[in-house]
């Protein structure tokens, strides 16, 4: 599932994301109001907007 392309879908109800390659952008974070956990099973956070995640 492409998280960024699914903002009209159930992303808005997500409480956690286990992610390998889909970017977690500011738009995703704004849409997923219930999101509390972003989990990566790779090295680094290059595809997570850490600044936006800190705000939300």
PDB file of N, CA and C in Angstrom:
ATOM      1  N   UNK A   1       0.844  -1.180   0.000  1.00  0.00           N
ATOM      2  CA  UNK A   1       0.000   0.000   0.000  1.00  0.00           C
ATOM      3  C   UNK A   1       0.886   1.238   0.000  1.00  0.00           C
ATOM      4  N   UNK A   2       0.618   2.149  -0.860  1.00  0.00           N
ATOM      5  CA  UNK A   2       1.333   3.415  -0.879  1.00  0.00           C
ATOM      6  C   UNK A   2       0.630   4.361   0.075  1.00  0.00           C
ATOM      7  N   UNK A   3       1.236   4.612   1.213  1.00  0.00           N
ATOM      8  CA  UNK A   3       0.597   5.429   2.240  1.00  0.00           C
ATOM      9  C   UNK A   3       0.266   6.815   1.715  1.00  0.00           C
ATOM     10  N   UNK A   4       1.207   7.448   1.051  1.00  0.00           N
ATOM     11  CA  UNK A   4       1.006   8.820   0.586  1.00  0.00           C
ATOM     12  C   UNK A   4      -0.117   8.921  -0.432  1.00  0.00           C
ATOM     13  N   UNK A   5      -0.374   7.874  -1.188  1.00  0.00           N
ATOM     14  CA  UNK A   5      -1.418   7.904  -2.196  1.00  0.00           C
ATOM     15  C   UNK A   5      -2.769   7.483  -1.680  1.00  0.00           C
ATOM     16  N   UNK A   6      -2.869   7.199  -0.405  1.00  0.00           N
ATOM     17  CA  UNK A   6      -4.109   6.661   0.138  1.00  0.00           C
ATOM     18  C   UNK A   6      -4.710   7.563   1.206  1.00  0.00           C
ATOM     19  N   UNK A   7      -4.489   8.853   1.120  1.00  0.00           N
ATOM     20  CA  UNK A   7      -4.942   9.749   2.175  1.00  0.00           C
ATOM     21  C   UNK A   7      -6.454   9.810   2.311  1.00  0.00           C
ATOM     22  N   UNK A   8      -7.198   9.395   1.290  1.00  0.00           N
ATOM     23  CA  UNK A   8      -8.652   9.374   1.384  1.00  0.00           C
ATOM     24  C   UNK A   8      -9.155   8.078   2.000  1.00  0.00           C
ATOM     25  N   UNK A   9      -8.274   7.137   2.198  1.00  0.00           N
ATOM     26  CA  UNK A   9      -8.631   5.805   2.657  1.00  0.00           C
ATOM     27  C   UNK A   9      -8.486   5.681   4.171  1.00  0.00           C
ATOM     28  N   UNK A  10      -8.474   4.453   4.684  1.00  0.00           N
ATOM     29  CA  UNK A  10      -8.418   4.233   6.135  1.00  0.00           C
ATOM     30  C   UNK A  10      -7.154   4.726   6.825  1.00  0.00           C
ATOM     31  N   UNK A  11      -6.247   5.371   6.101  1.00  0.00           N
ATOM     32  CA  UNK A  11      -5.055   5.938   6.736  1.00  0.00           C
ATOM     33  C   UNK A  11      -5.463   6.845   7.885  1.00  0.00           C
ATOM     34  N   UNK A  12      -6.557   7.530   7.726  1.00  0.00           N
ATOM     35  CA  UNK A  12      -7.003   8.476   8.741  1.00  0.00           C
ATOM     36  C   UNK A  12      -7.290   7.803  10.072  1.00  0.00           C
ATOM     37  N   UNK A  13      -7.539   6.501  10.078  1.00  0.00           N
ATOM     38  CA  UNK A  13      -7.837   5.781  11.311  1.00  0.00           C
ATOM     39  C   UNK A  13      -6.627   5.041  11.871  1.00  0.00           C
ATOM     40  N   UNK A  14      -5.494   5.075  11.189  1.00  0.00           N
ATOM     41  CA  UNK A  14      -4.312   4.340  11.641  1.00  0.00           C
ATOM     42  C   UNK A  14      -3.832   4.824  12.996  1.00  0.00           C
ATOM     43  N   UNK A  15      -3.438   3.875  13.846  1.00  0.00           N
ATOM     44  CA  UNK A  15      -2.798   4.208  15.109  1.00  0.00           C
ATOM     45  C   UNK A  15      -1.311   3.878  15.076  1.00  0.00           C
ATOM     46  N   UNK A  16      -0.909   3.007  14.133  1.00  0.00           N
ATOM     47  CA  UNK A  16       0.510   2.684  13.998  1.00  0.00           C
ATOM     48  C   UNK A  16       0.823   2.344  12.547  1.00  0.00           C
ATOM     49  N   UNK A  17       2.080   2.521  12.179  1.00  0.00           N
ATOM     50  CA  UNK A  17       2.553   2.177  10.844  1.00  0.00           C
ATOM     51  C   UNK A  17       3.839   1.377  11.008  1.00  0.00           C
ATOM     52  N   UNK A  18       3.862   0.157  10.465  1.00  0.00           N
ATOM     53  CA  UNK A  18       5.098  -0.620  10.365  1.00  0.00           C
ATOM     54  C   UNK A  18       5.531  -0.486   8.916  1.00  0.00           C
ATOM     55  N   UNK A  19       6.664   0.094   8.706  1.00  0.00           N
ATOM     56  CA  UNK A  19       7.002   0.576   7.379  1.00  0.00           C
ATOM     57  C   UNK A  19       8.397   0.146   6.957  1.00  0.00           C
ATOM     58  N   UNK A  20       8.544  -0.112   5.664  1.00  0.00           N
ATOM     59  CA  UNK A  20       9.874  -0.405   5.126  1.00  0.00           C
ATOM     60  C   UNK A  20      10.297   0.650   4.110  1.00  0.00           C
ATOM     61  N   UNK A  21       9.391   1.031   3.203  1.00  0.00           N
ATOM     62  CA  UNK A  21       9.829   1.912   2.123  1.00  0.00           C
ATOM     63  C   UNK A  21       8.870   3.050   1.809  1.00  0.00           C
ATOM     64  N   UNK A  22       7.664   3.050   2.327  1.00  0.00           N
ATOM     65  CA  UNK A  22       6.730   4.131   2.023  1.00  0.00           C
ATOM     66  C   UNK A  22       7.054   5.359   2.867  1.00  0.00           C
ATOM     67  N   UNK A  23       7.180   6.519   2.242  1.00  0.00           N
ATOM     68  CA  UNK A  23       7.500   7.718   3.007  1.00  0.00           C
ATOM     69  C   UNK A  23       6.360   8.115   3.939  1.00  0.00           C
ATOM     70  N   UNK A  24       6.713   8.542   5.129  1.00  0.00           N
ATOM     71  CA  UNK A  24       5.747   9.082   6.081  1.00  0.00           C
ATOM     72  C   UNK A  24       5.966  10.587   6.052  1.00  0.00           C
ATOM     73  N   UNK A  25       5.140  11.248   5.266  1.00  0.00           N
ATOM     74  CA  UNK A  25       5.293  12.680   5.015  1.00  0.00           C
ATOM     75  C   UNK A  25       4.398  13.496   5.943  1.00  0.00           C
ATOM     76  N   UNK A  26       4.566  14.801   5.891  1.00  0.00           N
ATOM     77  CA  UNK A  26       3.709  15.703   6.664  1.00  0.00           C
ATOM     78  C   UNK A  26       2.240  15.485   6.297  1.00  0.00           C
ATOM     79  N   UNK A  27       1.944  15.281   5.009  1.00  0.00           N
ATOM     80  CA  UNK A  27       0.559  15.049   4.583  1.00  0.00           C
ATOM     81  C   UNK A  27      -0.020  13.789   5.216  1.00  0.00           C
ATOM     82  N   UNK A  28       0.778  12.731   5.265  1.00  0.00           N
ATOM     83  CA  UNK A  28       0.329  11.489   5.903  1.00  0.00           C
ATOM     84  C   UNK A  28       0.065  11.739   7.382  1.00  0.00           C
ATOM     85  N   UNK A  29       0.975  12.421   8.039  1.00  0.00           N
ATOM     86  CA  UNK A  29       0.818  12.687   9.468  1.00  0.00           C
ATOM     87  C   UNK A  29      -0.383  13.580   9.751  1.00  0.00           C
ATOM     88  N   UNK A  30      -0.644  14.534   8.881  1.00  0.00           N
ATOM     89  CA  UNK A  30      -1.814  15.401   9.062  1.00  0.00           C
ATOM     90  C   UNK A  30      -3.107  14.613   8.901  1.00  0.00           C
ATOM     91  N   UNK A  31      -3.135  13.665   7.973  1.00  0.00           N
ATOM     92  CA  UNK A  31      -4.341  12.877   7.714  1.00  0.00           C
ATOM     93  C   UNK A  31      -4.574  11.818   8.782  1.00  0.00           C
ATOM     94  N   UNK A  32      -3.499  11.259   9.306  1.00  0.00           N
ATOM     95  CA  UNK A  32      -3.609  10.155  10.273  1.00  0.00           C
ATOM     96  C   UNK A  32      -3.598  10.729  11.687  1.00  0.00           C
ATOM     97  N   UNK A  33      -4.698  11.351  12.074  1.00  0.00           N
ATOM     98  CA  UNK A  33      -4.788  12.042  13.366  1.00  0.00           C
ATOM     99  C   UNK A  33      -4.586  11.113  14.558  1.00  0.00           C
ATOM    100  N   UNK A  34      -4.903   9.824  14.419  1.00  0.00           N
ATOM    101  CA  UNK A  34      -4.780   8.867  15.521  1.00  0.00           C
ATOM    102  C   UNK A  34      -3.418   8.186  15.575  1.00  0.00           C
ATOM    103  N   UNK A  35      -2.532   8.488  14.637  1.00  0.00           N
ATOM    104  CA  UNK A  35      -1.240   7.810  14.549  1.00  0.00           C
ATOM    105  C   UNK A  35      -0.394   8.111  15.780  1.00  0.00           C
ATOM    106  N   UNK A  36       0.090   7.061  16.427  1.00  0.00           N
ATOM    107  CA  UNK A  36       0.916   7.208  17.623  1.00  0.00           C
ATOM    108  C   UNK A  36       2.285   6.557  17.477  1.00  0.00           C
ATOM    109  N   UNK A  37       2.415   5.579  16.567  1.00  0.00           N
ATOM    110  CA  UNK A  37       3.665   4.842  16.426  1.00  0.00           C
ATOM    111  C   UNK A  37       4.048   4.750  14.951  1.00  0.00           C
ATOM    112  N   UNK A  38       5.287   5.087  14.648  1.00  0.00           N
ATOM    113  CA  UNK A  38       5.868   4.841  13.329  1.00  0.00           C
ATOM    114  C   UNK A  38       7.032   3.890  13.564  1.00  0.00           C
ATOM    115  N   UNK A  39       6.930   2.694  13.025  1.00  0.00           N
ATOM    116  CA  UNK A  39       7.951   1.673  13.225  1.00  0.00           C
ATOM    117  C   UNK A  39       8.627   1.365  11.897  1.00  0.00           C
ATOM    118  N   UNK A  40       9.946   1.382  11.894  1.00  0.00           N
ATOM    119  CA  UNK A  40      10.722   1.069  10.690  1.00  0.00           C
ATOM    120  C   UNK A  40      11.473  -0.231  10.915  1.00  0.00           C
ATOM    121  N   UNK A  41      11.523  -1.085   9.924  1.00  0.00           N
ATOM    122  CA  UNK A  41      12.371  -2.269  10.022  1.00  0.00           C
ATOM    123  C   UNK A  41      13.487  -2.207   8.993  1.00  0.00           C
ATOM    124  N   UNK A  42      14.000  -1.002   8.834  1.00  0.00           N
ATOM    125  CA  UNK A  42      15.194  -0.737   8.031  1.00  0.00           C
ATOM    126  C   UNK A  42      16.076   0.223   8.829  1.00  0.00           C
ATOM    127  N   UNK A  43      17.206   0.577   8.277  1.00  0.00           N
ATOM    128  CA  UNK A  43      18.120   1.503   8.946  1.00  0.00           C
ATOM    129  C   UNK A  43      17.812   2.924   8.489  1.00  0.00           C
ATOM    130  N   UNK A  44      17.757   3.852   9.433  1.00  0.00           N
ATOM    131  CA  UNK A  44      17.597   5.261   9.107  1.00  0.00           C
ATOM    132  C   UNK A  44      16.157   5.729   9.102  1.00  0.00           C
ATOM    133  N   UNK A  45      16.009   7.035   9.019  1.00  0.00           N
ATOM    134  CA  UNK A  45      14.687   7.659   9.007  1.00  0.00           C
ATOM    135  C   UNK A  45      14.576   8.665   7.862  1.00  0.00           C
ATOM    136  N   UNK A  46      15.324   8.432   6.790  1.00  0.00           N
ATOM    137  CA  UNK A  46      15.340   9.371   5.670  1.00  0.00           C
ATOM    138  C   UNK A  46      13.971   9.586   5.049  1.00  0.00           C
ATOM    139  N   UNK A  47      13.096   8.595   5.118  1.00  0.00           N
ATOM    140  CA  UNK A  47      11.781   8.730   4.487  1.00  0.00           C
ATOM    141  C   UNK A  47      10.675   9.021   5.498  1.00  0.00           C
ATOM    142  N   UNK A  48      11.051   9.488   6.682  1.00  0.00           N
ATOM    143  CA  UNK A  48      10.086   9.949   7.681  1.00  0.00           C
ATOM    144  C   UNK A  48      10.337  11.435   7.902  1.00  0.00           C
ATOM    145  N   UNK A  49       9.284  12.220   7.831  1.00  0.00           N
ATOM    146  CA  UNK A  49       9.406  13.646   8.133  1.00  0.00           C
ATOM    147  C   UNK A  49       9.437  13.773   9.656  1.00  0.00           C
ATOM    148  N   UNK A  50      10.635  13.691  10.218  1.00  0.00           N
ATOM    149  CA  UNK A  50      10.806  13.670  11.672  1.00  0.00           C
ATOM    150  C   UNK A  50      10.316  14.971  12.300  1.00  0.00           C
ATOM    151  N   UNK A  51      10.557  16.087  11.649  1.00  0.00           N
ATOM    152  CA  UNK A  51      10.095  17.376  12.182  1.00  0.00           C
ATOM    153  C   UNK A  51       8.574  17.393  12.303  1.00  0.00           C
ATOM    154  N   UNK A  52       7.880  16.949  11.263  1.00  0.00           N
ATOM    155  CA  UNK A  52       6.417  16.900  11.300  1.00  0.00           C
ATOM    156  C   UNK A  52       5.936  15.870  12.317  1.00  0.00           C
ATOM    157  N   UNK A  53       6.616  14.729  12.406  1.00  0.00           N
ATOM    158  CA  UNK A  53       6.225  13.700  13.378  1.00  0.00           C
ATOM    159  C   UNK A  53       6.351  14.232  14.800  1.00  0.00           C
ATOM    160  N   UNK A  54       7.342  15.055  15.044  1.00  0.00           N
ATOM    161  CA  UNK A  54       7.514  15.656  16.365  1.00  0.00           C
ATOM    162  C   UNK A  54       6.374  16.622  16.668  1.00  0.00           C
ATOM    163  N   UNK A  55       5.923  17.358  15.667  1.00  0.00           N
ATOM    164  CA  UNK A  55       4.823  18.310  15.850  1.00  0.00           C
ATOM    165  C   UNK A  55       3.504  17.608  16.132  1.00  0.00           C
ATOM    166  N   UNK A  56       3.244  16.521  15.397  1.00  0.00           N
ATOM    167  CA  UNK A  56       1.964  15.843  15.515  1.00  0.00           C
ATOM    168  C   UNK A  56       2.031  14.762  16.550  1.00  0.00           C
TER     169      UNK A  56
END
